[in-house]
Full PDB file with SEQRES, HELIX, SHEET, SSBOND, CRYST1, ORIGX, SCALE, CONECT and MASTER records, all heavy atoms in Angstrom:
SEQRES   1 A   42  PRO GLY GLU LEU LYS GLU ALA TYR GLU ASN LEU VAL ARG          
SEQRES   2 A   42  MET ALA GLU ARG ARG ALA ALA GLY MET PHE GLN LYS GLU          
SEQRES   3 A   42  VAL VAL LEU ARG THR GLY ASN GLU ALA ALA ARG MET TYR          
SEQRES   4 A   42  ARG ASN ARG                                                  
HELIX    1 AA1 GLY A    2  THR A   31  1                                  30    
HELIX    2 AA2 ASN A   33  ASN A   41  1                                   9    
CRYST1    1.000    1.000    1.000  90.00  90.00  90.00 P 1           1          
ORIGX1      1.000000  0.000000  0.000000        0.00000                         
ORIGX2      0.000000  1.000000  0.000000        0.00000                         
ORIGX3      0.000000  0.000000  1.000000        0.00000                         
SCALE1      1.000000  0.000000  0.000000        0.00000                         
SCALE2      0.000000  1.000000  0.000000        0.00000                         
SCALE3      0.000000  0.000000  1.000000        0.00000                         
ATOM      1  N   PRO A   1      -3.142  22.139 -16.715  1.00  0.00           N  
ATOM      2  CA  PRO A   1      -1.817  21.689 -16.295  1.00  0.00           C  
ATOM      3  C   PRO A   1      -1.771  21.284 -14.811  1.00  0.00           C  
ATOM      4  O   PRO A   1      -1.310  20.200 -14.455  1.00  0.00           O  
ATOM      5  CB  PRO A   1      -0.898  22.831 -16.598  1.00  0.00           C  
ATOM      6  CG  PRO A   1      -1.569  23.533 -17.747  1.00  0.00           C  
ATOM      7  CD  PRO A   1      -3.010  23.403 -17.521  1.00  0.00           C  
ATOM      8  N   GLY A   2      -2.267  22.189 -13.935  1.00  0.00           N  
ATOM      9  CA  GLY A   2      -2.228  21.869 -12.485  1.00  0.00           C  
ATOM     10  C   GLY A   2      -3.141  20.682 -12.168  1.00  0.00           C  
ATOM     11  O   GLY A   2      -2.788  19.895 -11.302  1.00  0.00           O  
ATOM     12  N   GLU A   3      -4.214  20.574 -12.831  1.00  0.00           N  
ATOM     13  CA  GLU A   3      -5.161  19.477 -12.638  1.00  0.00           C  
ATOM     14  C   GLU A   3      -4.489  18.141 -13.030  1.00  0.00           C  
ATOM     15  O   GLU A   3      -4.642  17.128 -12.317  1.00  0.00           O  
ATOM     16  CB  GLU A   3      -6.413  19.723 -13.459  1.00  0.00           C  
ATOM     17  CG  GLU A   3      -7.476  18.611 -13.353  1.00  0.00           C  
ATOM     18  CD  GLU A   3      -8.586  18.871 -14.339  1.00  0.00           C  
ATOM     19  OE1 GLU A   3      -8.378  19.575 -15.345  1.00  0.00           O  
ATOM     20  OE2 GLU A   3      -9.680  18.242 -14.105  1.00  0.00           O  
ATOM     21  N   LEU A   4      -3.740  18.136 -14.146  1.00  0.00           N  
ATOM     22  CA  LEU A   4      -3.065  16.912 -14.581  1.00  0.00           C  
ATOM     23  C   LEU A   4      -1.988  16.524 -13.612  1.00  0.00           C  
ATOM     24  O   LEU A   4      -1.854  15.348 -13.267  1.00  0.00           O  
ATOM     25  CB  LEU A   4      -2.466  17.149 -15.970  1.00  0.00           C  
ATOM     26  CG  LEU A   4      -1.736  15.975 -16.599  1.00  0.00           C  
ATOM     27  CD1 LEU A   4      -2.669  14.786 -16.742  1.00  0.00           C  
ATOM     28  CD2 LEU A   4      -1.154  16.363 -17.979  1.00  0.00           C  
ATOM     29  N   LYS A   5      -1.242  17.434 -13.133  1.00  0.00           N  
ATOM     30  CA  LYS A   5      -0.198  17.147 -12.171  1.00  0.00           C  
ATOM     31  C   LYS A   5      -0.758  16.552 -10.890  1.00  0.00           C  
ATOM     32  O   LYS A   5      -0.252  15.537 -10.428  1.00  0.00           O  
ATOM     33  CB  LYS A   5       0.603  18.443 -11.805  1.00  0.00           C  
ATOM     34  CG  LYS A   5       1.752  18.238 -10.786  1.00  0.00           C  
ATOM     35  CD  LYS A   5       2.469  19.570 -10.608  1.00  0.00           C  
ATOM     36  CE  LYS A   5       3.622  19.381  -9.671  1.00  0.00           C  
ATOM     37  NZ  LYS A   5       3.289  19.102  -8.311  1.00  0.00           N  
ATOM     38  N   GLU A   6      -1.851  17.143 -10.424  1.00  0.00           N  
ATOM     39  CA  GLU A   6      -2.511  16.595  -9.212  1.00  0.00           C  
ATOM     40  C   GLU A   6      -3.036  15.193  -9.454  1.00  0.00           C  
ATOM     41  O   GLU A   6      -2.911  14.324  -8.608  1.00  0.00           O  
ATOM     42  CB  GLU A   6      -3.601  17.530  -8.762  1.00  0.00           C  
ATOM     43  CG  GLU A   6      -4.261  17.129  -7.468  1.00  0.00           C  
ATOM     44  CD  GLU A   6      -5.362  18.085  -6.999  1.00  0.00           C  
ATOM     45  OE1 GLU A   6      -5.586  19.052  -7.756  1.00  0.00           O  
ATOM     46  OE2 GLU A   6      -5.976  17.815  -5.944  1.00  0.00           O  
ATOM     47  N   ALA A   7      -3.678  14.984 -10.609  1.00  0.00           N  
ATOM     48  CA  ALA A   7      -4.227  13.682 -10.934  1.00  0.00           C  
ATOM     49  C   ALA A   7      -3.100  12.642 -11.022  1.00  0.00           C  
ATOM     50  O   ALA A   7      -3.237  11.497 -10.475  1.00  0.00           O  
ATOM     51  CB  ALA A   7      -4.997  13.724 -12.236  1.00  0.00           C  
ATOM     52  N   TYR A   8      -1.999  12.987 -11.631  1.00  0.00           N  
ATOM     53  CA  TYR A   8      -0.879  12.048 -11.783  1.00  0.00           C  
ATOM     54  C   TYR A   8      -0.324  11.685 -10.400  1.00  0.00           C  
ATOM     55  O   TYR A   8      -0.165  10.487 -10.090  1.00  0.00           O  
ATOM     56  CB  TYR A   8       0.243  12.710 -12.629  1.00  0.00           C  
ATOM     57  CG  TYR A   8       1.515  11.962 -12.651  1.00  0.00           C  
ATOM     58  CD1 TYR A   8       1.727  10.912 -13.470  1.00  0.00           C  
ATOM     59  CD2 TYR A   8       2.585  12.326 -11.780  1.00  0.00           C  
ATOM     60  CE1 TYR A   8       2.932  10.196 -13.512  1.00  0.00           C  
ATOM     61  CE2 TYR A   8       3.749  11.662 -11.766  1.00  0.00           C  
ATOM     62  CZ  TYR A   8       3.939  10.583 -12.650  1.00  0.00           C  
ATOM     63  OH  TYR A   8       5.161   9.895 -12.651  1.00  0.00           O  
ATOM     64  N   GLU A   9      -0.093  12.674  -9.584  1.00  0.00           N  
ATOM     65  CA  GLU A   9       0.499  12.404  -8.258  1.00  0.00           C  
ATOM     66  C   GLU A   9      -0.445  11.597  -7.394  1.00  0.00           C  
ATOM     67  O   GLU A   9      -0.023  10.693  -6.623  1.00  0.00           O  
ATOM     68  CB  GLU A   9       0.837  13.728  -7.591  1.00  0.00           C  
ATOM     69  CG  GLU A   9       1.995  14.434  -8.266  1.00  0.00           C  
ATOM     70  CD  GLU A   9       2.286  15.801  -7.713  1.00  0.00           C  
ATOM     71  OE1 GLU A   9       1.423  16.348  -6.975  1.00  0.00           O  
ATOM     72  OE2 GLU A   9       3.387  16.350  -8.022  1.00  0.00           O  
ATOM     73  N   ASN A  10      -1.755  11.845  -7.489  1.00  0.00           N  
ATOM     74  CA  ASN A  10      -2.709  11.079  -6.742  1.00  0.00           C  
ATOM     75  C   ASN A  10      -2.759   9.655  -7.194  1.00  0.00           C  
ATOM     76  O   ASN A  10      -2.882   8.705  -6.355  1.00  0.00           O  
ATOM     77  CB  ASN A  10      -4.125  11.672  -6.885  1.00  0.00           C  
ATOM     78  CG  ASN A  10      -4.289  12.960  -6.093  1.00  0.00           C  
ATOM     79  OD1 ASN A  10      -3.573  13.173  -5.127  1.00  0.00           O  
ATOM     80  ND2 ASN A  10      -5.261  13.794  -6.441  1.00  0.00           N  
ATOM     81  N   LEU A  11      -2.712   9.397  -8.529  1.00  0.00           N  
ATOM     82  CA  LEU A  11      -2.721   8.018  -9.024  1.00  0.00           C  
ATOM     83  C   LEU A  11      -1.478   7.284  -8.588  1.00  0.00           C  
ATOM     84  O   LEU A  11      -1.531   6.069  -8.283  1.00  0.00           O  
ATOM     85  CB  LEU A  11      -2.809   8.046 -10.540  1.00  0.00           C  
ATOM     86  CG  LEU A  11      -4.193   8.408 -11.084  1.00  0.00           C  
ATOM     87  CD1 LEU A  11      -4.130   8.633 -12.606  1.00  0.00           C  
ATOM     88  CD2 LEU A  11      -5.260   7.358 -10.761  1.00  0.00           C  
ATOM     89  N   VAL A  12      -0.312   7.958  -8.621  1.00  0.00           N  
ATOM     90  CA  VAL A  12       0.904   7.309  -8.141  1.00  0.00           C  
ATOM     91  C   VAL A  12       0.790   6.911  -6.642  1.00  0.00           C  
ATOM     92  O   VAL A  12       1.152   5.783  -6.293  1.00  0.00           O  
ATOM     93  CB  VAL A  12       2.120   8.240  -8.311  1.00  0.00           C  
ATOM     94  CG1 VAL A  12       3.365   7.713  -7.609  1.00  0.00           C  
ATOM     95  CG2 VAL A  12       2.393   8.389  -9.824  1.00  0.00           C  
ATOM     96  N   ARG A  13       0.260   7.813  -5.844  1.00  0.00           N  
ATOM     97  CA  ARG A  13       0.090   7.501  -4.414  1.00  0.00           C  
ATOM     98  C   ARG A  13      -0.840   6.355  -4.213  1.00  0.00           C  
ATOM     99  O   ARG A  13      -0.615   5.437  -3.359  1.00  0.00           O  
ATOM    100  CB  ARG A  13      -0.350   8.736  -3.643  1.00  0.00           C  
ATOM    101  CG  ARG A  13       0.704   9.756  -3.339  1.00  0.00           C  
ATOM    102  CD  ARG A  13       0.196  10.739  -2.296  1.00  0.00           C  
ATOM    103  NE  ARG A  13      -0.789  11.629  -2.862  1.00  0.00           N  
ATOM    104  CZ  ARG A  13      -0.611  12.796  -3.442  1.00  0.00           C  
ATOM    105  NH1 ARG A  13       0.610  13.201  -3.624  1.00  0.00           N  
ATOM    106  NH2 ARG A  13      -1.626  13.515  -3.907  1.00  0.00           N  
ATOM    107  N   MET A  14      -1.979   6.359  -4.952  1.00  0.00           N  
ATOM    108  CA  MET A  14      -2.903   5.232  -4.831  1.00  0.00           C  
ATOM    109  C   MET A  14      -2.320   3.938  -5.252  1.00  0.00           C  
ATOM    110  O   MET A  14      -2.493   2.872  -4.604  1.00  0.00           O  
ATOM    111  CB  MET A  14      -4.156   5.536  -5.715  1.00  0.00           C  
ATOM    112  CG  MET A  14      -5.024   6.670  -5.161  1.00  0.00           C  
ATOM    113  SD  MET A  14      -6.290   7.197  -6.303  1.00  0.00           S  
ATOM    114  CE  MET A  14      -7.160   5.640  -6.554  1.00  0.00           C  
ATOM    115  N   ALA A  15      -1.518   3.943  -6.341  1.00  0.00           N  
ATOM    116  CA  ALA A  15      -0.864   2.708  -6.800  1.00  0.00           C  
ATOM    117  C   ALA A  15       0.149   2.194  -5.763  1.00  0.00           C  
ATOM    118  O   ALA A  15       0.233   0.982  -5.526  1.00  0.00           O  
ATOM    119  CB  ALA A  15      -0.146   2.969  -8.112  1.00  0.00           C  
ATOM    120  N   GLU A  16       0.862   3.079  -5.109  1.00  0.00           N  
ATOM    121  CA  GLU A  16       1.858   2.703  -4.080  1.00  0.00           C  
ATOM    122  C   GLU A  16       1.093   2.121  -2.844  1.00  0.00           C  
ATOM    123  O   GLU A  16       1.560   1.122  -2.315  1.00  0.00           O  
ATOM    124  CB  GLU A  16       2.672   3.891  -3.706  1.00  0.00           C  
ATOM    125  CG  GLU A  16       3.656   4.318  -4.776  1.00  0.00           C  
ATOM    126  CD  GLU A  16       4.373   5.614  -4.477  1.00  0.00           C  
ATOM    127  OE1 GLU A  16       3.905   6.372  -3.573  1.00  0.00           O  
ATOM    128  OE2 GLU A  16       5.390   5.902  -5.122  1.00  0.00           O  
ATOM    129  N   ARG A  17       0.003   2.703  -2.472  1.00  0.00           N  
ATOM    130  CA  ARG A  17      -0.752   2.168  -1.334  1.00  0.00           C  
ATOM    131  C   ARG A  17      -1.336   0.826  -1.697  1.00  0.00           C  
ATOM    132  O   ARG A  17      -1.342  -0.125  -0.852  1.00  0.00           O  
ATOM    133  CB  ARG A  17      -1.880   3.115  -0.963  1.00  0.00           C  
ATOM    134  CG  ARG A  17      -1.408   4.435  -0.363  1.00  0.00           C  
ATOM    135  CD  ARG A  17      -2.597   5.195   0.266  1.00  0.00           C  
ATOM    136  NE  ARG A  17      -2.235   6.577   0.587  1.00  0.00           N  
ATOM    137  CZ  ARG A  17      -2.629   7.626  -0.058  1.00  0.00           C  
ATOM    138  NH1 ARG A  17      -3.430   7.471  -1.100  1.00  0.00           N  
ATOM    139  NH2 ARG A  17      -2.250   8.828   0.281  1.00  0.00           N  
ATOM    140  N   ARG A  18      -1.803   0.694  -2.918  1.00  0.00           N  
ATOM    141  CA  ARG A  18      -2.404  -0.598  -3.314  1.00  0.00           C  
ATOM    142  C   ARG A  18      -1.325  -1.703  -3.316  1.00  0.00           C  
ATOM    143  O   ARG A  18      -1.545  -2.822  -2.893  1.00  0.00           O  
ATOM    144  CB  ARG A  18      -2.986  -0.433  -4.721  1.00  0.00           C  
ATOM    145  CG  ARG A  18      -3.876  -1.643  -5.166  1.00  0.00           C  
ATOM    146  CD  ARG A  18      -4.466  -1.395  -6.526  1.00  0.00           C  
ATOM    147  NE  ARG A  18      -5.264  -0.174  -6.525  1.00  0.00           N  
ATOM    148  CZ  ARG A  18      -4.977   0.901  -7.274  1.00  0.00           C  
ATOM    149  NH1 ARG A  18      -3.880   0.944  -8.013  1.00  0.00           N  
ATOM    150  NH2 ARG A  18      -5.751   1.940  -7.257  1.00  0.00           N  
ATOM    151  N   ALA A  19      -0.133  -1.359  -3.845  1.00  0.00           N  
ATOM    152  CA  ALA A  19       0.967  -2.344  -3.844  1.00  0.00           C  
ATOM    153  C   ALA A  19       1.385  -2.717  -2.443  1.00  0.00           C  
ATOM    154  O   ALA A  19       1.654  -3.896  -2.152  1.00  0.00           O  
ATOM    155  CB  ALA A  19       2.173  -1.765  -4.632  1.00  0.00           C  
ATOM    156  N   ALA A  20       1.451  -1.775  -1.554  1.00  0.00           N  
ATOM    157  CA  ALA A  20       1.822  -2.032  -0.152  1.00  0.00           C  
ATOM    158  C   ALA A  20       0.701  -2.897   0.515  1.00  0.00           C  
ATOM    159  O   ALA A  20       1.053  -3.817   1.272  1.00  0.00           O  
ATOM    160  CB  ALA A  20       1.987  -0.749   0.639  1.00  0.00           C  
ATOM    161  N   GLY A  21      -0.542  -2.673   0.149  1.00  0.00           N  
ATOM    162  CA  GLY A  21      -1.620  -3.459   0.674  1.00  0.00           C  
ATOM    163  C   GLY A  21      -1.553  -4.893   0.232  1.00  0.00           C  
ATOM    164  O   GLY A  21      -1.851  -5.831   0.962  1.00  0.00           O  
ATOM    165  N   MET A  22      -1.143  -5.089  -1.051  1.00  0.00           N  
ATOM    166  CA  MET A  22      -1.012  -6.453  -1.557  1.00  0.00           C  
ATOM    167  C   MET A  22       0.054  -7.234  -0.843  1.00  0.00           C  
ATOM    168  O   MET A  22      -0.061  -8.416  -0.520  1.00  0.00           O  
ATOM    169  CB  MET A  22      -0.738  -6.449  -3.048  1.00  0.00           C  
ATOM    170  CG  MET A  22      -1.913  -5.958  -3.899  1.00  0.00           C  
ATOM    171  SD  MET A  22      -1.501  -5.798  -5.660  1.00  0.00           S  
ATOM    172  CE  MET A  22      -1.208  -7.487  -6.066  1.00  0.00           C  
ATOM    173  N   PHE A  23       1.171  -6.524  -0.515  1.00  0.00           N  
ATOM    174  CA  PHE A  23       2.239  -7.198   0.223  1.00  0.00           C  
ATOM    175  C   PHE A  23       1.743  -7.528   1.641  1.00  0.00           C  
ATOM    176  O   PHE A  23       2.044  -8.610   2.178  1.00  0.00           O  
ATOM    177  CB  PHE A  23       3.473  -6.308   0.299  1.00  0.00           C  
ATOM    178  CG  PHE A  23       4.585  -6.954   1.125  1.00  0.00           C  
ATOM    179  CD1 PHE A  23       5.357  -7.911   0.533  1.00  0.00           C  
ATOM    180  CD2 PHE A  23       4.833  -6.594   2.412  1.00  0.00           C  
ATOM    181  CE1 PHE A  23       6.380  -8.558   1.274  1.00  0.00           C  
ATOM    182  CE2 PHE A  23       5.824  -7.199   3.184  1.00  0.00           C  
ATOM    183  CZ  PHE A  23       6.594  -8.201   2.590  1.00  0.00           C  
ATOM    184  N   GLN A  24       1.002  -6.611   2.247  1.00  0.00           N  
ATOM    185  CA  GLN A  24       0.517  -6.911   3.584  1.00  0.00           C  
ATOM    186  C   GLN A  24      -0.445  -8.143   3.597  1.00  0.00           C  
ATOM    187  O   GLN A  24      -0.363  -8.966   4.481  1.00  0.00           O  
ATOM    188  CB  GLN A  24      -0.293  -5.696   4.107  1.00  0.00           C  
ATOM    189  CG  GLN A  24      -0.800  -5.873   5.528  1.00  0.00           C  
ATOM    190  CD  GLN A  24      -1.538  -4.647   5.998  1.00  0.00           C  
ATOM    191  OE1 GLN A  24      -1.168  -3.541   5.731  1.00  0.00           O  
ATOM    192  NE2 GLN A  24      -2.638  -4.914   6.710  1.00  0.00           N  
ATOM    193  N   LYS A  25      -1.247  -8.245   2.522  1.00  0.00           N  
ATOM    194  CA  LYS A  25      -2.106  -9.459   2.452  1.00  0.00           C  
ATOM    195  C   LYS A  25      -1.313 -10.725   2.297  1.00  0.00           C  
ATOM    196  O   LYS A  25      -1.615 -11.785   2.868  1.00  0.00           O  
ATOM    197  CB  LYS A  25      -3.010  -9.317   1.218  1.00  0.00           C  
ATOM    198  CG  LYS A  25      -4.095  -8.296   1.363  1.00  0.00           C  
ATOM    199  CD  LYS A  25      -4.998  -8.188   0.144  1.00  0.00           C  
ATOM    200  CE  LYS A  25      -6.061  -7.123   0.303  1.00  0.00           C  
ATOM    201  NZ  LYS A  25      -6.897  -7.012  -0.928  1.00  0.00           N  
ATOM    202  N   GLU A  26      -0.139 -10.641   1.610  1.00  0.00           N  
ATOM    203  CA  GLU A  26       0.728 -11.807   1.540  1.00  0.00           C  
ATOM    204  C   GLU A  26       1.311 -12.195   2.868  1.00  0.00           C  
ATOM    205  O   GLU A  26       1.322 -13.356   3.222  1.00  0.00           O  
ATOM    206  CB  GLU A  26       1.896 -11.495   0.545  1.00  0.00           C  
ATOM    207  CG  GLU A  26       2.877 -12.645   0.392  1.00  0.00           C  
ATOM    208  CD  GLU A  26       4.044 -12.280  -0.461  1.00  0.00           C  
ATOM    209  OE1 GLU A  26       4.069 -11.212  -1.088  1.00  0.00           O  
ATOM    210  OE2 GLU A  26       4.921 -13.142  -0.583  1.00  0.00           O  
ATOM    211  N   VAL A  27       1.663 -11.187   3.643  1.00  0.00           N  
ATOM    212  CA  VAL A  27       2.113 -11.450   5.009  1.00  0.00           C  
ATOM    213  C   VAL A  27       1.040 -12.133   5.825  1.00  0.00           C  
ATOM    214  O   VAL A  27       1.306 -13.082   6.549  1.00  0.00           O  
ATOM    215  CB  VAL A  27       2.587 -10.128   5.680  1.00  0.00           C  
ATOM    216  CG1 VAL A  27       2.971 -10.403   7.150  1.00  0.00           C  
ATOM    217  CG2 VAL A  27       3.765  -9.560   4.959  1.00  0.00           C  
ATOM    218  N   VAL A  28      -0.216 -11.691   5.747  1.00  0.00           N  
ATOM    219  CA  VAL A  28      -1.290 -12.259   6.462  1.00  0.00           C  
ATOM    220  C   VAL A  28      -1.478 -13.722   6.055  1.00  0.00           C  
ATOM    221  O   VAL A  28      -1.637 -14.609   6.921  1.00  0.00           O  
ATOM    222  CB  VAL A  28      -2.597 -11.472   6.207  1.00  0.00           C  
ATOM    223  CG1 VAL A  28      -3.811 -12.233   6.817  1.00  0.00           C  
ATOM    224  CG2 VAL A  28      -2.525 -10.069   6.834  1.00  0.00           C  
ATOM    225  N   LEU A  29      -1.499 -14.037   4.758  1.00  0.00           N  
ATOM    226  CA  LEU A  29      -1.717 -15.351   4.295  1.00  0.00           C  
ATOM    227  C   LEU A  29      -0.611 -16.324   4.718  1.00  0.00           C  
ATOM    228  O   LEU A  29      -0.888 -17.480   5.021  1.00  0.00           O  
ATOM    229  CB  LEU A  29      -1.781 -15.327   2.766  1.00  0.00           C  
ATOM    230  CG  LEU A  29      -3.070 -14.688   2.183  1.00  0.00           C  
ATOM    231  CD1 LEU A  29      -2.941 -14.581   0.663  1.00  0.00           C  
ATOM    232  CD2 LEU A  29      -4.303 -15.522   2.548  1.00  0.00           C  
ATOM    233  N   ARG A  30       0.605 -15.794   4.745  1.00  0.00           N  
ATOM    234  CA  ARG A  30       1.750 -16.701   5.034  1.00  0.00           C  
ATOM    235  C   ARG A  30       2.236 -16.697   6.469  1.00  0.00           C  
ATOM    236  O   ARG A  30       2.972 -17.601   6.887  1.00  0.00           O  
ATOM    237  CB  ARG A  30       2.899 -16.364   4.083  1.00  0.00           C  
ATOM    238  CG  ARG A  30       2.437 -16.514   2.620  1.00  0.00           C  
ATOM    239  CD  ARG A  30       3.586 -16.160   1.665  1.00  0.00           C  
ATOM    240  NE  ARG A  30       4.691 -17.122   1.770  1.00  0.00           N  
ATOM    241  CZ  ARG A  30       5.708 -17.107   0.930  1.00  0.00           C  
ATOM    242  NH1 ARG A  30       5.841 -16.199   0.015  1.00  0.00           N  
ATOM    243  NH2 ARG A  30       6.700 -17.965   1.125  1.00  0.00           N  
ATOM    244  N   THR A  31       1.879 -15.710   7.249  1.00  0.00           N  
ATOM    245  CA  THR A  31       2.426 -15.625   8.591  1.00  0.00           C  
ATOM    246  C   THR A  31       1.375 -15.321   9.630  1.00  0.00           C  
ATOM    247  O   THR A  31       1.656 -15.407  10.855  1.00  0.00           O  
ATOM    248  CB  THR A  31       3.519 -14.579   8.703  1.00  0.00           C  
ATOM    249  OG1 THR A  31       2.896 -13.256   8.423  1.00  0.00           O  
ATOM    250  CG2 THR A  31       4.606 -14.792   7.677  1.00  0.00           C  
ATOM    251  N   GLY A  32       0.155 -14.894   9.249  1.00  0.00           N  
ATOM    252  CA  GLY A  32      -0.880 -14.616  10.208  1.00  0.00           C  
ATOM    253  C   GLY A  32      -1.009 -13.121  10.539  1.00  0.00           C  
ATOM    254  O   GLY A  32      -0.174 -12.321  10.155  1.00  0.00           O  
ATOM    255  N   ASN A  33      -2.065 -12.757  11.221  1.00  0.00           N  
ATOM    256  CA  ASN A  33      -2.381 -11.392  11.480  1.00  0.00           C  
ATOM    257  C   ASN A  33      -1.356 -10.669  12.330  1.00  0.00           C  
ATOM    258  O   ASN A  33      -1.159  -9.477  12.197  1.00  0.00           O  
ATOM    259  CB  ASN A  33      -3.750 -11.301  12.145  1.00  0.00           C  
ATOM    260  CG  ASN A  33      -4.856 -11.580  11.183  1.00  0.00           C  
ATOM    261  OD1 ASN A  33      -4.801 -11.218  10.011  1.00  0.00           O  
ATOM    262  ND2 ASN A  33      -5.918 -12.277  11.617  1.00  0.00           N  
ATOM    263  N   GLU A  34      -0.737 -11.394  13.270  1.00  0.00           N  
ATOM    264  CA  GLU A  34       0.274 -10.754  14.135  1.00  0.00           C  
ATOM    265  C   GLU A  34       1.444 -10.220  13.322  1.00  0.00           C  
ATOM    266  O   GLU A  34       1.910  -9.126  13.543  1.00  0.00           O  
ATOM    267  CB  GLU A  34       0.762 -11.764  15.176  1.00  0.00           C  
ATOM    268  CG  GLU A  34       1.829 -11.187  16.115  1.00  0.00           C  
ATOM    269  CD  GLU A  34       1.343  -9.988  16.921  1.00  0.00           C  
ATOM    270  OE1 GLU A  34       0.115  -9.819  17.055  1.00  0.00           O  
ATOM    271  OE2 GLU A  34       2.206  -9.245  17.427  1.00  0.00           O  
ATOM    272  N   ALA A  35       1.879 -11.021  12.318  1.00  0.00           N  
ATOM    273  CA  ALA A  35       2.962 -10.581  11.445  1.00  0.00           C  
ATOM    274  C   ALA A  35       2.531  -9.355  10.638  1.00  0.00           C  
ATOM    275  O   ALA A  35       3.341  -8.484  10.423  1.00  0.00           O  
ATOM    276  CB  ALA A  35       3.430 -11.711  10.507  1.00  0.00           C  
ATOM    277  N   ALA A  36       1.288  -9.371  10.214  1.00  0.00           N  
ATOM    278  CA  ALA A  36       0.825  -8.205   9.441  1.00  0.00           C  
ATOM    279  C   ALA A  36       0.812  -6.929  10.302  1.00  0.00           C  
ATOM    280  O   ALA A  36       1.185  -5.900   9.828  1.00  0.00           O  
ATOM    281  CB  ALA A  36      -0.639  -8.455   9.000  1.00  0.00           C  
ATOM    282  N   ARG A  37       0.468  -7.079  11.591  1.00  0.00           N  
ATOM    283  CA  ARG A  37       0.490  -5.925  12.481  1.00  0.00           C  
ATOM    284  C   ARG A  37       1.932  -5.437  12.646  1.00  0.00           C  
ATOM    285  O   ARG A  37       2.209  -4.243  12.643  1.00  0.00           O  
ATOM    286  CB  ARG A  37      -0.063  -6.307  13.868  1.00  0.00           C  
ATOM    287  CG  ARG A  37      -0.145  -5.151  14.829  1.00  0.00           C  
ATOM    288  CD  ARG A  37      -0.577  -5.603  16.235  1.00  0.00           C  
ATOM    289  NE  ARG A  37       0.474  -6.512  16.801  1.00  0.00           N  
ATOM    290  CZ  ARG A  37       1.635  -6.068  17.308  1.00  0.00           C  
ATOM    291  NH1 ARG A  37       1.880  -4.778  17.328  1.00  0.00           N  
ATOM    292  NH2 ARG A  37       2.493  -6.899  17.792  1.00  0.00           N  
ATOM    293  N   MET A  38       2.875  -6.391  12.819  1.00  0.00           N  
ATOM    294  CA  MET A  38       4.267  -6.013  12.909  1.00  0.00           C  
ATOM    295  C   MET A  38       4.754  -5.293  11.682  1.00  0.00           C  
ATOM    296  O   MET A  38       5.511  -4.357  11.767  1.00  0.00           O  
ATOM    297  CB  MET A  38       5.116  -7.246  13.159  1.00  0.00           C  
ATOM    298  CG  MET A  38       4.828  -7.897  14.522  1.00  0.00           C  
ATOM    299  SD  MET A  38       5.524  -9.522  14.700  1.00  0.00           S  
ATOM    300  CE  MET A  38       7.291  -9.144  14.532  1.00  0.00           C  
ATOM    301  N   TYR A  39       4.293  -5.762  10.540  1.00  0.00           N  
ATOM    302  CA  TYR A  39       4.732  -5.133   9.274  1.00  0.00           C  
ATOM    303  C   TYR A  39       4.163  -3.721   9.212  1.00  0.00           C  
ATOM    304  O   TYR A  39       4.876  -2.770   8.836  1.00  0.00           O  
ATOM    305  CB  TYR A  39       4.204  -5.933   8.089  1.00  0.00           C  
ATOM    306  CG  TYR A  39       4.447  -5.254   6.750  1.00  0.00           C  
ATOM    307  CD1 TYR A  39       5.752  -5.163   6.250  1.00  0.00           C  
ATOM    308  CD2 TYR A  39       3.436  -4.596   6.076  1.00  0.00           C  
ATOM    309  CE1 TYR A  39       6.009  -4.501   5.079  1.00  0.00           C  
ATOM    310  CE2 TYR A  39       3.736  -3.957   4.888  1.00  0.00           C  
ATOM    311  CZ  TYR A  39       4.997  -3.885   4.400  1.00  0.00           C  
ATOM    312  OH  TYR A  39       5.230  -3.248   3.197  1.00  0.00           O  
ATOM    313  N   ARG A  40       2.918  -3.507   9.625  1.00  0.00           N  
ATOM    314  CA  ARG A  40       2.310  -2.151   9.565  1.00  0.00           C  
ATOM    315  C   ARG A  40       3.121  -1.242  10.489  1.00  0.00           C  
ATOM    316  O   ARG A  40       3.307  -0.066  10.167  1.00  0.00           O  
ATOM    317  CB  ARG A  40       0.844  -2.196   9.975  1.00  0.00           C  
ATOM    318  CG  ARG A  40      -0.044  -2.798   8.929  1.00  0.00           C  
ATOM    319  CD  ARG A  40      -1.490  -2.429   9.222  1.00  0.00           C  
ATOM    320  NE  ARG A  40      -1.899  -2.952  10.532  1.00  0.00           N  
ATOM    321  CZ  ARG A  40      -2.445  -4.157  10.696  1.00  0.00           C  
ATOM    322  NH1 ARG A  40      -2.555  -4.966   9.680  1.00  0.00           N  
ATOM    323  NH2 ARG A  40      -2.799  -4.575  11.903  1.00  0.00           N  
ATOM    324  N   ASN A  41       3.458  -1.721  11.677  1.00  0.00           N  
ATOM    325  CA  ASN A  41       4.127  -0.863  12.670  1.00  0.00           C  
ATOM    326  C   ASN A  41       5.609  -0.614  12.317  1.00  0.00           C  
ATOM    327  O   ASN A  41       6.219   0.268  12.877  1.00  0.00           O  
ATOM    328  CB  ASN A  41       4.035  -1.510  14.054  1.00  0.00           C  
ATOM    329  CG  ASN A  41       2.628  -1.518  14.603  1.00  0.00           C  
ATOM    330  OD1 ASN A  41       1.773  -0.799  14.090  1.00  0.00           O  
ATOM    331  ND2 ASN A  41       2.367  -2.399  15.535  1.00  0.00           N  
ATOM    332  N   ARG A  42       6.120  -1.396  11.446  1.00  0.00           N  
ATOM    333  CA  ARG A  42       7.546  -1.260  11.118  1.00  0.00           C  
ATOM    334  C   ARG A  42       7.681  -1.475   9.587  1.00  0.00           C  
ATOM    335  O   ARG A  42       8.236  -2.456   9.125  1.00  0.00           O  
ATOM    336  CB  ARG A  42       8.370  -2.330  11.872  1.00  0.00           C  
ATOM    337  CG  ARG A  42       9.854  -2.074  11.868  1.00  0.00           C  
ATOM    338  CD  ARG A  42      10.520  -3.129  12.742  1.00  0.00           C  
ATOM    339  NE  ARG A  42      11.964  -3.095  12.582  1.00  0.00           N  
ATOM    340  CZ  ARG A  42      12.727  -4.107  12.842  1.00  0.00           C  
ATOM    341  NH1 ARG A  42      12.240  -5.258  13.259  1.00  0.00           N  
ATOM    342  NH2 ARG A  42      14.029  -4.015  12.700  1.00  0.00           N  
TER     343      ARG A  42                                                      
MASTER        0    0    0    2    0    0    0    6  342    1    0    4          
END                                                                             
């Protein structure tokens, strides 16, 4: 049970980071690296 809970929560966190990374790549493609830096900082 504890192992499953930890695995679930880790997979959710990884999915959220991956989704945020995909958005950041979109910012880079459409606005350049400076906009991506601004997005990371805010």
